[in-house]
Amino acid sequence: MKKKVFNLMTLGFWKSYLIHMRPYLFFISGFAGMSGIALTKANLDLNFWIVLIPFFLSYGFGQALTDCFQIDTDKISSPYRPLSQGIIRRIDVLGVSGVGLVVCILILCWFNPYNLIFGILSFGGLATYSYIKRHFWALGPAYNSLIVS
């Protein structure tokens, strides 16, 4: 029996995509961003609430993006993930993750144009993380921490 593959425009896709984002980890990037804001002594105005969006969501978009490049290993270690099960398409997850990360970068650039440099570096790091982890396994943890920082 062939599995149903959820279309990008269905609730089933978005529920499945959320699993790849790992919402329980949003607080890692969210609180890191909030810590940076605390160091600037910025006001808690509307701008604060706007930048919380990319701070909290960027980690999730990055998780989903890297999952696209390690489906084979996730079939063994995380068979419950929708990409491993084949119920959502890799191209859809790549698209949503890419657009999500670009929107996060643009929001942060609105407040400081220098964020474009760090956004591009982070996006490139996420896109190459699985390759580095597979081919230079000893560098994997250091490369991951460099991307996250």
N, C-alpha and C. Protein backbone atom coordinates (compact mmCIF):
# COMPACT_ATOMS: atom_id res chain seq x y z
N MET A 1 0.84 -1.18 0.00
CA MET A 1 0.00 0.00 0.00
C MET A 1 0.88 1.25 0.00
N LYS A 2 0.58 2.17 -0.90
CA LYS A 2 1.36 3.40 -1.03
C LYS A 2 0.94 4.40 0.04
N LYS A 3 1.93 5.05 0.66
CA LYS A 3 1.64 6.05 1.69
C LYS A 3 1.13 7.33 1.05
N LYS A 4 0.25 8.00 1.78
CA LYS A 4 -0.25 9.29 1.32
C LYS A 4 0.83 10.34 1.56
N VAL A 5 1.13 11.11 0.54
CA VAL A 5 2.10 12.20 0.65
C VAL A 5 1.31 13.49 0.76
N PHE A 6 1.55 14.23 1.85
CA PHE A 6 0.81 15.47 2.08
C PHE A 6 1.33 16.58 1.17
N ASN A 7 0.42 17.26 0.54
CA ASN A 7 0.70 18.40 -0.30
C ASN A 7 1.06 19.60 0.59
N LEU A 8 1.86 20.47 0.06
CA LEU A 8 2.29 21.68 0.77
C LEU A 8 1.11 22.52 1.27
N MET A 9 0.01 22.47 0.58
CA MET A 9 -1.14 23.30 0.92
C MET A 9 -2.15 22.60 1.84
N THR A 10 -1.71 21.54 2.53
CA THR A 10 -2.63 20.83 3.42
C THR A 10 -2.21 20.97 4.87
N LEU A 11 -3.16 20.82 5.75
CA LEU A 11 -2.88 20.86 7.18
C LEU A 11 -1.95 19.71 7.57
N GLY A 12 -2.09 18.58 6.89
CA GLY A 12 -1.23 17.43 7.17
C GLY A 12 0.24 17.76 6.95
N PHE A 13 0.54 18.53 5.90
CA PHE A 13 1.93 18.93 5.66
C PHE A 13 2.43 19.79 6.81
N TRP A 14 1.65 20.79 7.21
CA TRP A 14 2.11 21.73 8.21
C TRP A 14 2.27 21.08 9.58
N LYS A 15 1.42 20.13 9.91
CA LYS A 15 1.59 19.37 11.15
C LYS A 15 2.89 18.56 11.08
N SER A 16 3.13 17.95 9.94
CA SER A 16 4.34 17.16 9.74
C SER A 16 5.58 18.05 9.76
N TYR A 17 5.49 19.20 9.12
CA TYR A 17 6.63 20.12 9.08
C TYR A 17 6.99 20.58 10.49
N LEU A 18 5.98 20.82 11.30
CA LEU A 18 6.21 21.27 12.68
C LEU A 18 7.02 20.24 13.47
N ILE A 19 6.82 18.97 13.18
CA ILE A 19 7.62 17.92 13.84
C ILE A 19 9.09 18.11 13.50
N HIS A 20 9.39 18.45 12.26
CA HIS A 20 10.78 18.67 11.86
C HIS A 20 11.36 19.94 12.46
N MET A 21 10.52 20.90 12.78
CA MET A 21 11.01 22.14 13.38
C MET A 21 11.41 21.95 14.85
N ARG A 22 10.89 20.91 15.48
CA ARG A 22 11.16 20.63 16.88
C ARG A 22 10.88 21.85 17.77
N PRO A 23 9.59 22.18 17.94
CA PRO A 23 9.22 23.39 18.68
C PRO A 23 9.77 23.44 20.10
N TYR A 24 10.04 22.31 20.70
CA TYR A 24 10.58 22.30 22.05
C TYR A 24 11.99 22.88 22.10
N LEU A 25 12.63 23.08 20.94
CA LEU A 25 13.96 23.68 20.89
C LEU A 25 13.93 25.16 20.49
N PHE A 26 12.76 25.71 20.20
CA PHE A 26 12.68 27.12 19.82
C PHE A 26 13.30 28.03 20.87
N PHE A 27 13.26 27.60 22.11
CA PHE A 27 13.76 28.45 23.19
C PHE A 27 15.27 28.62 23.17
N ILE A 28 15.97 27.71 22.52
CA ILE A 28 17.43 27.84 22.43
C ILE A 28 17.79 29.11 21.68
N SER A 29 17.28 29.24 20.47
CA SER A 29 17.59 30.45 19.69
C SER A 29 16.83 31.65 20.23
N GLY A 30 15.64 31.44 20.72
CA GLY A 30 14.83 32.54 21.24
C GLY A 30 15.48 33.23 22.42
N PHE A 31 15.91 32.44 23.40
CA PHE A 31 16.54 33.03 24.57
C PHE A 31 17.93 33.58 24.27
N ALA A 32 18.62 32.97 23.32
CA ALA A 32 19.92 33.52 22.92
C ALA A 32 19.73 34.91 22.32
N GLY A 33 18.73 35.05 21.47
CA GLY A 33 18.43 36.37 20.89
C GLY A 33 17.99 37.36 21.93
N MET A 34 17.16 36.92 22.86
CA MET A 34 16.71 37.81 23.94
C MET A 34 17.88 38.25 24.81
N SER A 35 18.84 37.36 25.02
CA SER A 35 20.04 37.72 25.79
C SER A 35 20.82 38.82 25.08
N GLY A 36 20.92 38.71 23.77
CA GLY A 36 21.59 39.75 23.00
C GLY A 36 20.89 41.08 23.11
N ILE A 37 19.56 41.06 23.08
CA ILE A 37 18.80 42.30 23.23
C ILE A 37 19.01 42.88 24.62
N ALA A 38 19.06 42.02 25.63
CA ALA A 38 19.26 42.51 27.00
C ALA A 38 20.60 43.25 27.12
N LEU A 39 21.59 42.81 26.40
CA LEU A 39 22.90 43.48 26.44
C LEU A 39 22.85 44.87 25.81
N THR A 40 21.90 45.11 24.93
CA THR A 40 21.81 46.42 24.26
C THR A 40 20.99 47.42 25.06
N LYS A 41 20.34 46.98 26.09
CA LYS A 41 19.46 47.83 26.90
C LYS A 41 18.36 48.47 26.06
N ALA A 42 17.87 47.71 25.09
CA ALA A 42 16.81 48.21 24.21
C ALA A 42 15.48 48.28 24.95
N ASN A 43 14.60 49.10 24.45
CA ASN A 43 13.25 49.20 25.03
C ASN A 43 12.42 47.99 24.62
N LEU A 44 11.50 47.64 25.47
CA LEU A 44 10.60 46.52 25.15
C LEU A 44 9.39 47.07 24.40
N ASP A 45 9.64 47.60 23.23
CA ASP A 45 8.57 48.15 22.41
C ASP A 45 8.17 47.14 21.34
N LEU A 46 7.45 47.60 20.34
CA LEU A 46 6.99 46.72 19.27
C LEU A 46 8.15 46.04 18.55
N ASN A 47 9.26 46.74 18.37
CA ASN A 47 10.43 46.16 17.70
C ASN A 47 10.94 44.92 18.43
N PHE A 48 10.90 44.94 19.75
CA PHE A 48 11.31 43.78 20.54
C PHE A 48 10.47 42.56 20.18
N TRP A 49 9.18 42.75 20.09
CA TRP A 49 8.28 41.63 19.79
C TRP A 49 8.44 41.15 18.35
N ILE A 50 8.78 42.07 17.45
CA ILE A 50 8.99 41.68 16.06
C ILE A 50 10.24 40.80 15.92
N VAL A 51 11.33 41.17 16.58
CA VAL A 51 12.56 40.38 16.44
C VAL A 51 12.46 39.04 17.17
N LEU A 52 11.52 38.91 18.07
CA LEU A 52 11.35 37.60 18.72
C LEU A 52 10.92 36.54 17.71
N ILE A 53 10.22 36.96 16.66
CA ILE A 53 9.75 36.00 15.65
C ILE A 53 10.94 35.26 15.02
N PRO A 54 11.92 35.96 14.43
CA PRO A 54 13.05 35.20 13.87
C PRO A 54 13.92 34.54 14.94
N PHE A 55 14.01 35.15 16.12
CA PHE A 55 14.81 34.52 17.17
C PHE A 55 14.27 33.14 17.52
N PHE A 56 12.97 33.03 17.66
CA PHE A 56 12.39 31.76 18.07
C PHE A 56 12.23 30.77 16.90
N LEU A 57 11.93 31.26 15.72
CA LEU A 57 11.64 30.34 14.61
C LEU A 57 12.87 29.90 13.82
N SER A 58 13.95 30.66 13.87
CA SER A 58 15.12 30.34 13.03
C SER A 58 15.71 28.97 13.36
N TYR A 59 15.74 28.60 14.61
CA TYR A 59 16.29 27.30 14.98
C TYR A 59 15.45 26.18 14.35
N GLY A 60 14.14 26.35 14.39
CA GLY A 60 13.24 25.34 13.82
C GLY A 60 13.38 25.22 12.32
N PHE A 61 13.47 26.36 11.63
CA PHE A 61 13.67 26.31 10.18
C PHE A 61 15.01 25.63 9.86
N GLY A 62 16.02 25.91 10.66
CA GLY A 62 17.33 25.29 10.45
C GLY A 62 17.29 23.79 10.68
N GLN A 63 16.57 23.36 11.71
CA GLN A 63 16.44 21.92 11.98
C GLN A 63 15.78 21.21 10.80
N ALA A 64 14.70 21.79 10.30
CA ALA A 64 13.99 21.18 9.17
C ALA A 64 14.88 21.16 7.93
N LEU A 65 15.64 22.23 7.71
CA LEU A 65 16.53 22.28 6.55
C LEU A 65 17.57 21.18 6.61
N THR A 66 18.23 21.02 7.75
CA THR A 66 19.28 20.00 7.85
C THR A 66 18.69 18.59 7.76
N ASP A 67 17.45 18.40 8.19
CA ASP A 67 16.81 17.09 8.06
C ASP A 67 16.69 16.66 6.60
N CYS A 68 16.61 17.61 5.71
CA CYS A 68 16.49 17.30 4.27
C CYS A 68 17.74 16.62 3.73
N PHE A 69 18.86 16.80 4.39
CA PHE A 69 20.13 16.26 3.90
C PHE A 69 20.58 15.01 4.65
N GLN A 70 19.74 14.52 5.55
CA GLN A 70 20.11 13.31 6.30
C GLN A 70 18.92 12.36 6.46
N ILE A 71 18.11 12.28 5.44
CA ILE A 71 16.94 11.40 5.49
C ILE A 71 17.36 9.94 5.67
N ASP A 72 18.45 9.54 5.03
CA ASP A 72 18.88 8.14 5.14
C ASP A 72 19.23 7.76 6.57
N THR A 73 19.95 8.61 7.28
CA THR A 73 20.29 8.29 8.67
C THR A 73 19.09 8.47 9.59
N ASP A 74 18.21 9.43 9.28
CA ASP A 74 17.02 9.61 10.09
C ASP A 74 16.06 8.43 9.97
N LYS A 75 16.11 7.71 8.85
CA LYS A 75 15.27 6.51 8.72
C LYS A 75 15.65 5.47 9.77
N ILE A 76 16.91 5.52 10.22
CA ILE A 76 17.38 4.60 11.25
C ILE A 76 17.18 5.20 12.65
N SER A 77 17.65 6.44 12.84
CA SER A 77 17.65 7.04 14.17
C SER A 77 16.35 7.74 14.53
N SER A 78 15.60 8.22 13.55
CA SER A 78 14.35 8.95 13.80
C SER A 78 13.28 8.55 12.79
N PRO A 79 12.89 7.29 12.81
CA PRO A 79 11.92 6.83 11.80
C PRO A 79 10.53 7.46 11.93
N TYR A 80 10.26 8.13 13.03
CA TYR A 80 8.96 8.77 13.24
C TYR A 80 8.84 10.08 12.47
N ARG A 81 9.94 10.63 12.02
CA ARG A 81 9.89 11.91 11.32
C ARG A 81 9.23 11.74 9.95
N PRO A 82 8.41 12.72 9.59
CA PRO A 82 7.65 12.62 8.33
C PRO A 82 8.51 12.46 7.08
N LEU A 83 9.67 13.09 7.00
CA LEU A 83 10.54 12.88 5.84
C LEU A 83 11.02 11.43 5.78
N SER A 84 11.34 10.87 6.92
CA SER A 84 11.78 9.48 6.98
C SER A 84 10.68 8.53 6.53
N GLN A 85 9.46 8.89 6.87
CA GLN A 85 8.31 8.06 6.50
C GLN A 85 7.87 8.29 5.06
N GLY A 86 8.35 9.37 4.46
CA GLY A 86 7.97 9.67 3.09
C GLY A 86 6.59 10.28 2.94
N ILE A 87 6.06 10.88 4.01
CA ILE A 87 4.72 11.45 3.92
C ILE A 87 4.73 12.94 3.56
N ILE A 88 5.90 13.56 3.56
CA ILE A 88 6.07 14.89 3.01
C ILE A 88 7.28 14.87 2.10
N ARG A 89 7.30 15.79 1.16
CA ARG A 89 8.37 15.78 0.16
C ARG A 89 9.54 16.66 0.58
N ARG A 90 10.72 16.18 0.28
CA ARG A 90 11.95 16.90 0.59
C ARG A 90 11.96 18.29 -0.03
N ILE A 91 11.53 18.41 -1.27
CA ILE A 91 11.54 19.69 -1.98
C ILE A 91 10.64 20.71 -1.28
N ASP A 92 9.52 20.25 -0.72
CA ASP A 92 8.62 21.15 0.01
C ASP A 92 9.26 21.63 1.30
N VAL A 93 9.90 20.72 2.02
CA VAL A 93 10.56 21.09 3.27
C VAL A 93 11.73 22.04 2.99
N LEU A 94 12.50 21.77 1.93
CA LEU A 94 13.58 22.68 1.55
C LEU A 94 13.03 24.07 1.23
N GLY A 95 11.95 24.13 0.50
CA GLY A 95 11.36 25.42 0.12
C GLY A 95 10.86 26.21 1.31
N VAL A 96 10.09 25.56 2.17
CA VAL A 96 9.54 26.24 3.34
C VAL A 96 10.67 26.68 4.27
N SER A 97 11.65 25.81 4.48
CA SER A 97 12.77 26.15 5.36
C SER A 97 13.58 27.31 4.79
N GLY A 98 13.85 27.25 3.49
CA GLY A 98 14.62 28.31 2.84
C GLY A 98 13.91 29.65 2.92
N VAL A 99 12.63 29.65 2.57
CA VAL A 99 11.86 30.90 2.63
C VAL A 99 11.77 31.40 4.08
N GLY A 100 11.53 30.49 5.01
CA GLY A 100 11.45 30.88 6.41
C GLY A 100 12.74 31.51 6.92
N LEU A 101 13.86 30.90 6.57
CA LEU A 101 15.15 31.46 7.01
C LEU A 101 15.44 32.80 6.34
N VAL A 102 15.10 32.93 5.07
CA VAL A 102 15.31 34.21 4.38
C VAL A 102 14.45 35.30 5.02
N VAL A 103 13.21 34.99 5.35
CA VAL A 103 12.34 35.98 6.00
C VAL A 103 12.92 36.36 7.36
N CYS A 104 13.41 35.38 8.11
CA CYS A 104 14.04 35.68 9.41
C CYS A 104 15.24 36.61 9.22
N ILE A 105 16.07 36.32 8.23
CA ILE A 105 17.24 37.16 7.96
C ILE A 105 16.80 38.57 7.58
N LEU A 106 15.80 38.69 6.73
CA LEU A 106 15.33 40.01 6.30
C LEU A 106 14.75 40.82 7.45
N ILE A 107 14.03 40.18 8.34
CA ILE A 107 13.50 40.88 9.52
C ILE A 107 14.66 41.43 10.35
N LEU A 108 15.66 40.61 10.58
CA LEU A 108 16.80 41.06 11.38
C LEU A 108 17.60 42.14 10.65
N CYS A 109 17.67 42.06 9.33
CA CYS A 109 18.37 43.09 8.55
C CYS A 109 17.64 44.43 8.59
N TRP A 110 16.34 44.38 8.75
CA TRP A 110 15.57 45.60 8.84
C TRP A 110 16.06 46.44 10.02
N PHE A 111 16.45 45.76 11.09
CA PHE A 111 16.90 46.46 12.29
C PHE A 111 18.39 46.78 12.27
N ASN A 112 19.16 45.95 11.56
CA ASN A 112 20.58 46.22 11.45
C ASN A 112 21.10 45.54 10.18
N PRO A 113 21.53 46.31 9.20
CA PRO A 113 21.97 45.73 7.92
C PRO A 113 23.14 44.76 8.05
N TYR A 114 23.94 44.89 9.10
CA TYR A 114 25.06 43.95 9.30
C TYR A 114 24.57 42.52 9.53
N ASN A 115 23.33 42.38 9.92
CA ASN A 115 22.77 41.04 10.11
C ASN A 115 22.74 40.24 8.82
N LEU A 116 22.82 40.91 7.69
CA LEU A 116 22.85 40.19 6.42
C LEU A 116 24.08 39.29 6.33
N ILE A 117 25.21 39.78 6.79
CA ILE A 117 26.45 38.98 6.77
C ILE A 117 26.27 37.72 7.60
N PHE A 118 25.80 37.89 8.83
CA PHE A 118 25.64 36.74 9.72
C PHE A 118 24.53 35.82 9.24
N GLY A 119 23.50 36.39 8.65
CA GLY A 119 22.41 35.58 8.11
C GLY A 119 22.87 34.69 6.97
N ILE A 120 23.65 35.27 6.06
CA ILE A 120 24.18 34.49 4.94
C ILE A 120 25.12 33.40 5.43
N LEU A 121 25.98 33.75 6.37
CA LEU A 121 26.91 32.75 6.92
C LEU A 121 26.15 31.62 7.62
N SER A 122 25.13 31.97 8.38
CA SER A 122 24.34 30.94 9.08
C SER A 122 23.59 30.06 8.10
N PHE A 123 22.97 30.68 7.10
CA PHE A 123 22.22 29.91 6.10
C PHE A 123 23.17 28.96 5.37
N GLY A 124 24.32 29.46 4.96
CA GLY A 124 25.30 28.61 4.28
C GLY A 124 25.80 27.49 5.18
N GLY A 125 26.00 27.81 6.44
CA GLY A 125 26.44 26.78 7.39
C GLY A 125 25.40 25.69 7.57
N LEU A 126 24.14 26.09 7.69
CA LEU A 126 23.07 25.09 7.83
C LEU A 126 22.96 24.22 6.59
N ALA A 127 23.12 24.84 5.42
CA ALA A 127 22.99 24.08 4.17
C ALA A 127 24.14 23.10 3.98
N THR A 128 25.28 23.35 4.59
CA THR A 128 26.45 22.47 4.44
C THR A 128 26.73 21.61 5.66
N TYR A 129 25.95 21.78 6.72
CA TYR A 129 26.22 21.07 7.97
C TYR A 129 26.24 19.55 7.81
N SER A 130 25.23 19.00 7.16
CA SER A 130 25.17 17.54 7.03
C SER A 130 26.36 17.00 6.24
N TYR A 131 26.78 17.73 5.22
CA TYR A 131 27.95 17.30 4.45
C TYR A 131 29.20 17.28 5.34
N ILE A 132 29.41 18.34 6.10
CA ILE A 132 30.58 18.42 6.99
C ILE A 132 30.52 17.30 8.02
N LYS A 133 29.35 17.11 8.60
CA LYS A 133 29.18 16.08 9.64
C LYS A 133 29.49 14.68 9.10
N ARG A 134 29.10 14.41 7.88
CA ARG A 134 29.33 13.08 7.29
C ARG A 134 30.77 12.85 6.85
N HIS A 135 31.38 13.87 6.27
CA HIS A 135 32.70 13.69 5.68
C HIS A 135 33.85 14.08 6.61
N PHE A 136 33.57 14.89 7.59
CA PHE A 136 34.59 15.31 8.55
C PHE A 136 33.97 15.23 9.95
N TRP A 137 33.62 14.00 10.35
CA TRP A 137 32.81 13.80 11.54
C TRP A 137 33.39 14.46 12.78
N ALA A 138 34.71 14.56 12.89
CA ALA A 138 35.30 15.16 14.09
C ALA A 138 35.02 16.67 14.15
N LEU A 139 34.76 17.28 13.00
CA LEU A 139 34.47 18.71 12.97
C LEU A 139 32.99 19.02 13.21
N GLY A 140 32.14 18.00 13.14
CA GLY A 140 30.70 18.20 13.25
C GLY A 140 30.24 19.05 14.43
N PRO A 141 30.62 18.69 15.67
CA PRO A 141 30.16 19.49 16.82
C PRO A 141 30.68 20.93 16.80
N ALA A 142 31.94 21.11 16.41
CA ALA A 142 32.49 22.48 16.35
C ALA A 142 31.79 23.29 15.26
N TYR A 143 31.54 22.66 14.13
CA TYR A 143 30.88 23.35 13.02
C TYR A 143 29.45 23.74 13.42
N ASN A 144 28.78 22.84 14.10
CA ASN A 144 27.42 23.11 14.57
C ASN A 144 27.41 24.29 15.53
N SER A 145 28.33 24.31 16.48
CA SER A 145 28.34 25.42 17.43
C SER A 145 28.70 26.73 16.77
N LEU A 146 29.54 26.68 15.74
CA LEU A 146 29.87 27.89 15.00
C LEU A 146 28.64 28.44 14.28
N ILE A 147 27.86 27.55 13.69
CA ILE A 147 26.64 27.97 12.98
C ILE A 147 25.65 28.59 13.97
N VAL A 148 25.43 27.92 15.09
CA VAL A 148 24.46 28.39 16.07
C VAL A 148 24.90 29.73 16.67
N SER A 149 26.20 29.87 16.89
CA SER A 149 26.68 31.14 17.49
C SER A 149 26.51 32.26 16.51
